[in-house]
PDB file of N, CA and C in Angstrom:
ATOM      1  N   MET A   1     -24.267  43.697 -11.000  1.00  0.00           N
ATOM      2  CA  MET A   1     -25.499  43.857 -10.265  1.00  0.00           C
ATOM      3  C   MET A   1     -26.279  42.539 -10.327  1.00  0.00           C
ATOM      4  N   ILE A   2     -26.756  42.099  -9.206  1.00  0.00           N
ATOM      5  CA  ILE A   2     -27.563  40.885  -9.108  1.00  0.00           C
ATOM      6  C   ILE A   2     -29.028  41.307  -9.034  1.00  0.00           C
ATOM      7  N   THR A   3     -29.844  40.691  -9.903  1.00  0.00           N
ATOM      8  CA  THR A   3     -31.261  40.998  -9.953  1.00  0.00           C
ATOM      9  C   THR A   3     -32.049  39.716  -9.816  1.00  0.00           C
ATOM     10  N   LYS A   4     -33.152  39.773  -9.116  1.00  0.00           N
ATOM     11  CA  LYS A   4     -34.015  38.617  -8.928  1.00  0.00           C
ATOM     12  C   LYS A   4     -34.816  38.349 -10.193  1.00  0.00           C
ATOM     13  N   LEU A   5     -34.987  37.076 -10.531  1.00  0.00           N
ATOM     14  CA  LEU A   5     -35.752  36.654 -11.703  1.00  0.00           C
ATOM     15  C   LEU A   5     -36.717  35.566 -11.260  1.00  0.00           C
ATOM     16  N   THR A   6     -37.972  35.718 -11.589  1.00  0.00           N
ATOM     17  CA  THR A   6     -38.981  34.710 -11.265  1.00  0.00           C
ATOM     18  C   THR A   6     -39.283  33.904 -12.515  1.00  0.00           C
ATOM     19  N   LEU A   7     -39.208  32.586 -12.396  1.00  0.00           N
ATOM     20  CA  LEU A   7     -39.505  31.697 -13.514  1.00  0.00           C
ATOM     21  C   LEU A   7     -40.718  30.855 -13.170  1.00  0.00           C
ATOM     22  N   ARG A   8     -41.579  30.654 -14.137  1.00  0.00           N
ATOM     23  CA  ARG A   8     -42.726  29.783 -13.955  1.00  0.00           C
ATOM     24  C   ARG A   8     -42.475  28.503 -14.752  1.00  0.00           C
ATOM     25  N   MET A   9     -42.505  27.371 -14.035  1.00  0.00           N
ATOM     26  CA  MET A   9     -42.216  26.088 -14.673  1.00  0.00           C
ATOM     27  C   MET A   9     -43.119  25.018 -14.093  1.00  0.00           C
ATOM     28  N   ASP A  10     -43.182  23.913 -14.799  1.00  0.00           N
ATOM     29  CA  ASP A  10     -43.922  22.744 -14.362  1.00  0.00           C
ATOM     30  C   ASP A  10     -43.336  22.236 -13.035  1.00  0.00           C
ATOM     31  N   ASP A  11     -44.201  21.767 -12.136  1.00  0.00           N
ATOM     32  CA  ASP A  11     -43.750  21.277 -10.831  1.00  0.00           C
ATOM     33  C   ASP A  11     -42.719  20.161 -10.951  1.00  0.00           C
ATOM     34  N   ASN A  12     -42.918  19.261 -11.915  1.00  0.00           N
ATOM     35  CA  ASN A  12     -41.975  18.148 -12.096  1.00  0.00           C
ATOM     36  C   ASN A  12     -40.597  18.654 -12.529  1.00  0.00           C
ATOM     37  N   LEU A  13     -40.582  19.669 -13.376  1.00  0.00           N
ATOM     38  CA  LEU A  13     -39.317  20.241 -13.829  1.00  0.00           C
ATOM     39  C   LEU A  13     -38.585  20.906 -12.663  1.00  0.00           C
ATOM     40  N   ILE A  14     -39.320  21.591 -11.835  1.00  0.00           N
ATOM     41  CA  ILE A  14     -38.720  22.240 -10.652  1.00  0.00           C
ATOM     42  C   ILE A  14     -38.148  21.190  -9.706  1.00  0.00           C
ATOM     43  N   ALA A  15     -38.896  20.120  -9.486  1.00  0.00           N
ATOM     44  CA  ALA A  15     -38.414  19.041  -8.610  1.00  0.00           C
ATOM     45  C   ALA A  15     -37.132  18.426  -9.176  1.00  0.00           C
ATOM     46  N   SER A  16     -37.098  18.220 -10.485  1.00  0.00           N
ATOM     47  CA  SER A  16     -35.894  17.673 -11.123  1.00  0.00           C
ATOM     48  C   SER A  16     -34.712  18.621 -10.971  1.00  0.00           C
ATOM     49  N   ALA A  17     -34.971  19.919 -11.143  1.00  0.00           N
ATOM     50  CA  ALA A  17     -33.904  20.917 -11.008  1.00  0.00           C
ATOM     51  C   ALA A  17     -33.354  20.924  -9.582  1.00  0.00           C
ATOM     52  N   LYS A  18     -34.237  20.822  -8.598  1.00  0.00           N
ATOM     53  CA  LYS A  18     -33.790  20.811  -7.195  1.00  0.00           C
ATOM     54  C   LYS A  18     -33.012  19.540  -6.880  1.00  0.00           C
ATOM     55  N   GLU A  19     -33.430  18.421  -7.452  1.00  0.00           N
ATOM     56  CA  GLU A  19     -32.711  17.166  -7.254  1.00  0.00           C
ATOM     57  C   GLU A  19     -31.313  17.250  -7.865  1.00  0.00           C
ATOM     58  N   TYR A  20     -31.242  17.782  -9.075  1.00  0.00           N
ATOM     59  CA  TYR A  20     -29.945  17.964  -9.738  1.00  0.00           C
ATOM     60  C   TYR A  20     -29.075  18.924  -8.941  1.00  0.00           C
ATOM     61  N   SER A  21     -29.692  19.962  -8.417  1.00  0.00           N
ATOM     62  CA  SER A  21     -28.976  20.945  -7.607  1.00  0.00           C
ATOM     63  C   SER A  21     -28.345  20.288  -6.382  1.00  0.00           C
ATOM     64  N   ALA A  22     -29.116  19.473  -5.698  1.00  0.00           N
ATOM     65  CA  ALA A  22     -28.597  18.787  -4.508  1.00  0.00           C
ATOM     66  C   ALA A  22     -27.479  17.821  -4.868  1.00  0.00           C
ATOM     67  N   LYS A  23     -27.627  17.156  -6.001  1.00  0.00           N
ATOM     68  CA  LYS A  23     -26.640  16.168  -6.441  1.00  0.00           C
ATOM     69  C   LYS A  23     -25.312  16.828  -6.822  1.00  0.00           C
ATOM     70  N   THR A  24     -25.394  18.000  -7.456  1.00  0.00           N
ATOM     71  CA  THR A  24     -24.175  18.658  -7.937  1.00  0.00           C
ATOM     72  C   THR A  24     -23.602  19.670  -6.949  1.00  0.00           C
ATOM     73  N   GLY A  25     -24.397  20.053  -5.959  1.00  0.00           N
ATOM     74  CA  GLY A  25     -23.932  21.050  -4.995  1.00  0.00           C
ATOM     75  C   GLY A  25     -23.999  22.474  -5.530  1.00  0.00           C
ATOM     76  N   LYS A  26     -24.712  22.676  -6.638  1.00  0.00           N
ATOM     77  CA  LYS A  26     -24.894  24.009  -7.217  1.00  0.00           C
ATOM     78  C   LYS A  26     -26.325  24.456  -6.959  1.00  0.00           C
ATOM     79  N   SER A  27     -26.515  25.710  -6.692  1.00  0.00           N
ATOM     80  CA  SER A  27     -27.871  26.215  -6.514  1.00  0.00           C
ATOM     81  C   SER A  27     -28.605  26.218  -7.849  1.00  0.00           C
ATOM     82  N   VAL A  28     -29.925  26.193  -7.783  1.00  0.00           N
ATOM     83  CA  VAL A  28     -30.721  26.259  -9.008  1.00  0.00           C
ATOM     84  C   VAL A  28     -30.419  27.575  -9.728  1.00  0.00           C
ATOM     85  N   SER A  29     -30.247  28.642  -8.993  1.00  0.00           N
ATOM     86  CA  SER A  29     -29.903  29.938  -9.598  1.00  0.00           C
ATOM     87  C   SER A  29     -28.586  29.851 -10.366  1.00  0.00           C
ATOM     88  N   ARG A  30     -27.596  29.175  -9.789  1.00  0.00           N
ATOM     89  CA  ARG A  30     -26.305  29.033 -10.458  1.00  0.00           C
ATOM     90  C   ARG A  30     -26.444  28.201 -11.738  1.00  0.00           C
ATOM     91  N   ILE A  31     -27.246  27.146 -11.677  1.00  0.00           N
ATOM     92  CA  ILE A  31     -27.469  26.298 -12.848  1.00  0.00           C
ATOM     93  C   ILE A  31     -28.115  27.101 -13.969  1.00  0.00           C
ATOM     94  N   VAL A  32     -29.128  27.893 -13.627  1.00  0.00           N
ATOM     95  CA  VAL A  32     -29.811  28.722 -14.629  1.00  0.00           C
ATOM     96  C   VAL A  32     -28.848  29.777 -15.173  1.00  0.00           C
ATOM     97  N   ALA A  33     -28.068  30.391 -14.304  1.00  0.00           N
ATOM     98  CA  ALA A  33     -27.106  31.403 -14.749  1.00  0.00           C
ATOM     99  C   ALA A  33     -26.070  30.796 -15.695  1.00  0.00           C
ATOM    100  N   ASP A  34     -25.597  29.592 -15.381  1.00  0.00           N
ATOM    101  CA  ASP A  34     -24.648  28.909 -16.266  1.00  0.00           C
ATOM    102  C   ASP A  34     -25.275  28.643 -17.633  1.00  0.00           C
ATOM    103  N   LEU A  35     -26.535  28.213 -17.631  1.00  0.00           N
ATOM    104  CA  LEU A  35     -27.234  27.974 -18.894  1.00  0.00           C
ATOM    105  C   LEU A  35     -27.344  29.262 -19.700  1.00  0.00           C
ATOM    106  N   PHE A  36     -27.717  30.352 -19.065  1.00  0.00           N
ATOM    107  CA  PHE A  36     -27.817  31.639 -19.764  1.00  0.00           C
ATOM    108  C   PHE A  36     -26.467  32.072 -20.315  1.00  0.00           C
ATOM    109  N   GLU A  37     -25.411  31.801 -19.576  1.00  0.00           N
ATOM    110  CA  GLU A  37     -24.049  32.133 -20.035  1.00  0.00           C
ATOM    111  C   GLU A  37     -23.694  31.329 -21.277  1.00  0.00           C
ATOM    112  N   ILE A  38     -24.046  30.057 -21.277  1.00  0.00           N
ATOM    113  CA  ILE A  38     -23.782  29.205 -22.442  1.00  0.00           C
ATOM    114  C   ILE A  38     -24.559  29.712 -23.646  1.00  0.00           C
ATOM    115  N   ILE A  39     -25.825  30.065 -23.446  1.00  0.00           N
ATOM    116  CA  ILE A  39     -26.648  30.598 -24.537  1.00  0.00           C
ATOM    117  C   ILE A  39     -26.045  31.890 -25.076  1.00  0.00           C
ATOM    118  N   LYS A  40     -25.600  32.761 -24.176  1.00  0.00           N
ATOM    119  CA  LYS A  40     -24.988  34.025 -24.594  1.00  0.00           C
ATOM    120  C   LYS A  40     -23.742  33.769 -25.438  1.00  0.00           C
ATOM    121  N   ASN A  41     -22.913  32.833 -25.013  1.00  0.00           N
ATOM    122  CA  ASN A  41     -21.691  32.515 -25.752  1.00  0.00           C
ATOM    123  C   ASN A  41     -22.002  31.930 -27.120  1.00  0.00           C
ATOM    124  N   GLU A  42     -23.015  31.086 -27.195  1.00  0.00           N
ATOM    125  CA  GLU A  42     -23.408  30.522 -28.492  1.00  0.00           C
ATOM    126  C   GLU A  42     -23.932  31.611 -29.411  1.00  0.00           C
ATOM    127  N   LYS A  43     -24.679  32.527 -28.858  1.00  0.00           N
ATOM    128  CA  LYS A  43     -25.237  33.626 -29.641  1.00  0.00           C
ATOM    129  C   LYS A  43     -24.128  34.503 -30.215  1.00  0.00           C
ATOM    130  N   MET A  44     -23.045  34.657 -29.460  1.00  0.00           N
ATOM    131  CA  MET A  44     -21.925  35.475 -29.907  1.00  0.00           C
ATOM    132  C   MET A  44     -20.999  34.702 -30.831  1.00  0.00           C
ATOM    133  N   GLY A  45     -21.308  33.430 -31.066  1.00  0.00           N
ATOM    134  CA  GLY A  45     -20.516  32.631 -31.985  1.00  0.00           C
ATOM    135  C   GLY A  45     -19.214  32.118 -31.425  1.00  0.00           C
ATOM    136  N   ARG A  46     -19.105  32.047 -30.137  1.00  0.00           N
ATOM    137  CA  ARG A  46     -17.888  31.526 -29.528  1.00  0.00           C
ATOM    138  C   ARG A  46     -17.954  30.007 -29.503  1.00  0.00           C
ATOM    139  N   GLU A  47     -17.153  29.368 -30.331  1.00  0.00           N
ATOM    140  CA  GLU A  47     -17.147  27.914 -30.371  1.00  0.00           C
ATOM    141  C   GLU A  47     -16.381  27.320 -29.206  1.00  0.00           C
ATOM    142  N   ASP A  48     -15.378  28.017 -28.724  1.00  0.00           N
ATOM    143  CA  ASP A  48     -14.554  27.505 -27.644  1.00  0.00           C
ATOM    144  C   ASP A  48     -14.992  28.048 -26.282  1.00  0.00           C
ATOM    145  N   SER A  49     -16.249  28.409 -26.154  1.00  0.00           N
ATOM    146  CA  SER A  49     -16.724  29.013 -24.915  1.00  0.00           C
ATOM    147  C   SER A  49     -16.643  28.019 -23.753  1.00  0.00           C
ATOM    148  N   LEU A  50     -16.333  28.545 -22.599  1.00  0.00           N
ATOM    149  CA  LEU A  50     -16.207  27.749 -21.392  1.00  0.00           C
ATOM    150  C   LEU A  50     -17.348  28.089 -20.452  1.00  0.00           C
ATOM    151  N   THR A  51     -17.720  27.126 -19.641  1.00  0.00           N
ATOM    152  CA  THR A  51     -18.726  27.409 -18.627  1.00  0.00           C
ATOM    153  C   THR A  51     -18.094  28.345 -17.595  1.00  0.00           C
ATOM    154  N   PRO A  52     -18.905  29.081 -16.862  1.00  0.00           N
ATOM    155  CA  PRO A  52     -18.351  30.003 -15.871  1.00  0.00           C
ATOM    156  C   PRO A  52     -17.448  29.326 -14.847  1.00  0.00           C
ATOM    157  N   THR A  53     -17.802  28.116 -14.447  1.00  0.00           N
ATOM    158  CA  THR A  53     -16.987  27.408 -13.455  1.00  0.00           C
ATOM    159  C   THR A  53     -15.615  27.077 -14.018  1.00  0.00           C
ATOM    160  N   VAL A  54     -15.576  26.556 -15.237  1.00  0.00           N
ATOM    161  CA  VAL A  54     -14.297  26.212 -15.869  1.00  0.00           C
ATOM    162  C   VAL A  54     -13.478  27.477 -16.109  1.00  0.00           C
ATOM    163  N   ARG A  55     -14.140  28.547 -16.551  1.00  0.00           N
ATOM    164  CA  ARG A  55     -13.447  29.808 -16.800  1.00  0.00           C
ATOM    165  C   ARG A  55     -12.799  30.334 -15.515  1.00  0.00           C
ATOM    166  N   SER A  56     -13.483  30.159 -14.366  1.00  0.00           N
ATOM    167  CA  SER A  56     -12.916  30.642 -13.106  1.00  0.00           C
ATOM    168  C   SER A  56     -11.679  29.847 -12.698  1.00  0.00           C
ATOM    169  N   LEU A  57     -11.568  28.610 -13.168  1.00  0.00           N
ATOM    170  CA  LEU A  57     -10.420  27.770 -12.834  1.00  0.00           C
ATOM    171  C   LEU A  57      -9.284  27.879 -13.842  1.00  0.00           C
ATOM    172  N   LYS A  58      -9.576  28.405 -15.011  1.00  0.00           N
ATOM    173  CA  LYS A  58      -8.580  28.478 -16.074  1.00  0.00           C
ATOM    174  C   LYS A  58      -7.366  29.307 -15.629  1.00  0.00           C
ATOM    175  N   GLY A  59      -6.195  28.708 -15.758  1.00  0.00           N
ATOM    176  CA  GLY A  59      -4.958  29.403 -15.430  1.00  0.00           C
ATOM    177  C   GLY A  59      -4.594  29.421 -13.964  1.00  0.00           C
ATOM    178  N   ILE A  60      -5.388  28.764 -13.127  1.00  0.00           N
ATOM    179  CA  ILE A  60      -5.153  28.827 -11.683  1.00  0.00           C
ATOM    180  C   ILE A  60      -3.819  28.193 -11.284  1.00  0.00           C
ATOM    181  N   LEU A  61      -3.338  27.244 -12.072  1.00  0.00           N
ATOM    182  CA  LEU A  61      -2.072  26.578 -11.756  1.00  0.00           C
ATOM    183  C   LEU A  61      -0.919  27.075 -12.615  1.00  0.00           C
ATOM    184  N   LYS A  62      -1.138  28.145 -13.344  1.00  0.00           N
ATOM    185  CA  LYS A  62      -0.093  28.670 -14.219  1.00  0.00           C
ATOM    186  C   LYS A  62       1.148  29.032 -13.406  1.00  0.00           C
ATOM    187  N   GLY A  63       2.292  28.566 -13.867  1.00  0.00           N
ATOM    188  CA  GLY A  63       3.546  28.865 -13.181  1.00  0.00           C
ATOM    189  C   GLY A  63       3.866  27.905 -12.050  1.00  0.00           C
ATOM    190  N   LYS A  64       2.972  26.972 -11.760  1.00  0.00           N
ATOM    191  CA  LYS A  64       3.219  26.004 -10.686  1.00  0.00           C
ATOM    192  C   LYS A  64       3.965  24.810 -11.252  1.00  0.00           C
ATOM    193  N   GLU A  65       4.870  24.301 -10.478  1.00  0.00           N
ATOM    194  CA  GLU A  65       5.645  23.130 -10.879  1.00  0.00           C
ATOM    195  C   GLU A  65       4.993  21.890 -10.267  1.00  0.00           C
ATOM    196  N   LEU A  66       3.993  21.353 -10.923  1.00  0.00           N
ATOM    197  CA  LEU A  66       3.294  20.167 -10.442  1.00  0.00           C
ATOM    198  C   LEU A  66       3.368  19.085 -11.497  1.00  0.00           C
ATOM    199  N   ASP A  67       3.426  17.841 -11.026  1.00  0.00           N
ATOM    200  CA  ASP A  67       3.422  16.727 -11.956  1.00  0.00           C
ATOM    201  C   ASP A  67       2.571  15.591 -11.386  1.00  0.00           C
ATOM    202  N   GLU A  68       2.604  14.461 -12.050  1.00  0.00           N
ATOM    203  CA  GLU A  68       1.782  13.324 -11.637  1.00  0.00           C
ATOM    204  C   GLU A  68       2.142  12.850 -10.224  1.00  0.00           C
ATOM    205  N   LYS A  69       3.399  12.960  -9.858  1.00  0.00           N
ATOM    206  CA  LYS A  69       3.848  12.551  -8.529  1.00  0.00           C
ATOM    207  C   LYS A  69       3.150  13.384  -7.444  1.00  0.00           C
ATOM    208  N   ASP A  70       3.019  14.685  -7.696  1.00  0.00           N
ATOM    209  CA  ASP A  70       2.322  15.560  -6.746  1.00  0.00           C
ATOM    210  C   ASP A  70       0.859  15.160  -6.612  1.00  0.00           C
ATOM    211  N   TYR A  71       0.237  14.810  -7.719  1.00  0.00           N
ATOM    212  CA  TYR A  71      -1.169  14.409  -7.708  1.00  0.00           C
ATOM    213  C   TYR A  71      -1.351  13.106  -6.943  1.00  0.00           C
ATOM    214  N   ARG A  72      -0.453  12.154  -7.169  1.00  0.00           N
ATOM    215  CA  ARG A  72      -0.526  10.883  -6.448  1.00  0.00           C
ATOM    216  C   ARG A  72      -0.340  11.098  -4.945  1.00  0.00           C
ATOM    217  N   LYS A  73       0.557  11.992  -4.573  1.00  0.00           N
ATOM    218  CA  LYS A  73       0.775  12.303  -3.155  1.00  0.00           C
ATOM    219  C   LYS A  73      -0.485  12.909  -2.546  1.00  0.00           C
ATOM    220  N   TYR A  74      -1.107  13.815  -3.266  1.00  0.00           N
ATOM    221  CA  TYR A  74      -2.353  14.432  -2.798  1.00  0.00           C
ATOM    222  C   TYR A  74      -3.440  13.376  -2.580  1.00  0.00           C
ATOM    223  N   LEU A  75      -3.600  12.465  -3.551  1.00  0.00           N
ATOM    224  CA  LEU A  75      -4.616  11.413  -3.416  1.00  0.00           C
ATOM    225  C   LEU A  75      -4.317  10.488  -2.240  1.00  0.00           C
ATOM    226  N   ALA A  76      -3.058  10.143  -2.054  1.00  0.00           N
ATOM    227  CA  ALA A  76      -2.674   9.272  -0.936  1.00  0.00           C
ATOM    228  C   ALA A  76      -2.995   9.937   0.397  1.00  0.00           C
ATOM    229  N   GLU A  77      -2.697  11.223   0.525  1.00  0.00           N
ATOM    230  CA  GLU A  77      -2.989  11.939   1.779  1.00  0.00           C
ATOM    231  C   GLU A  77      -4.490  12.059   2.005  1.00  0.00           C
ATOM    232  N   LYS A  78      -5.221  12.218   0.934  1.00  0.00           N
ATOM    233  CA  LYS A  78      -6.667  12.409   1.057  1.00  0.00           C
ATOM    234  C   LYS A  78      -7.386  11.101   1.417  1.00  0.00           C
ATOM    235  N   TYR A  79      -7.001   9.991   0.789  1.00  0.00           N
ATOM    236  CA  TYR A  79      -7.763   8.755   0.934  1.00  0.00           C
ATOM    237  C   TYR A  79      -7.109   7.675   1.798  1.00  0.00           C
ATOM    238  N   LEU A  80      -5.863   7.840   2.131  1.00  0.00           N
ATOM    239  CA  LEU A  80      -5.219   6.794   2.944  1.00  0.00           C
ATOM    240  C   LEU A  80      -4.965   7.242   4.349  1.00  0.00           C
TER     241      LEU A  80
END
């Protein structure tokens, strides 16, 4: 369930958060949610906790036969 949360912060802090948001391509809500997730993991004593973004990517290439040659080919196609 997604619930709305209102935060009251200094104008300069909000401006910085929006600037960081634009730079990283993440919404301010996502940044705050990631921070809360990190706090929750620390509270539970998880030393190896992953951010939500990293956790969503974990195992995505499992079973794939990829090596450095494949990566170089991808970069060549993308930038050349």
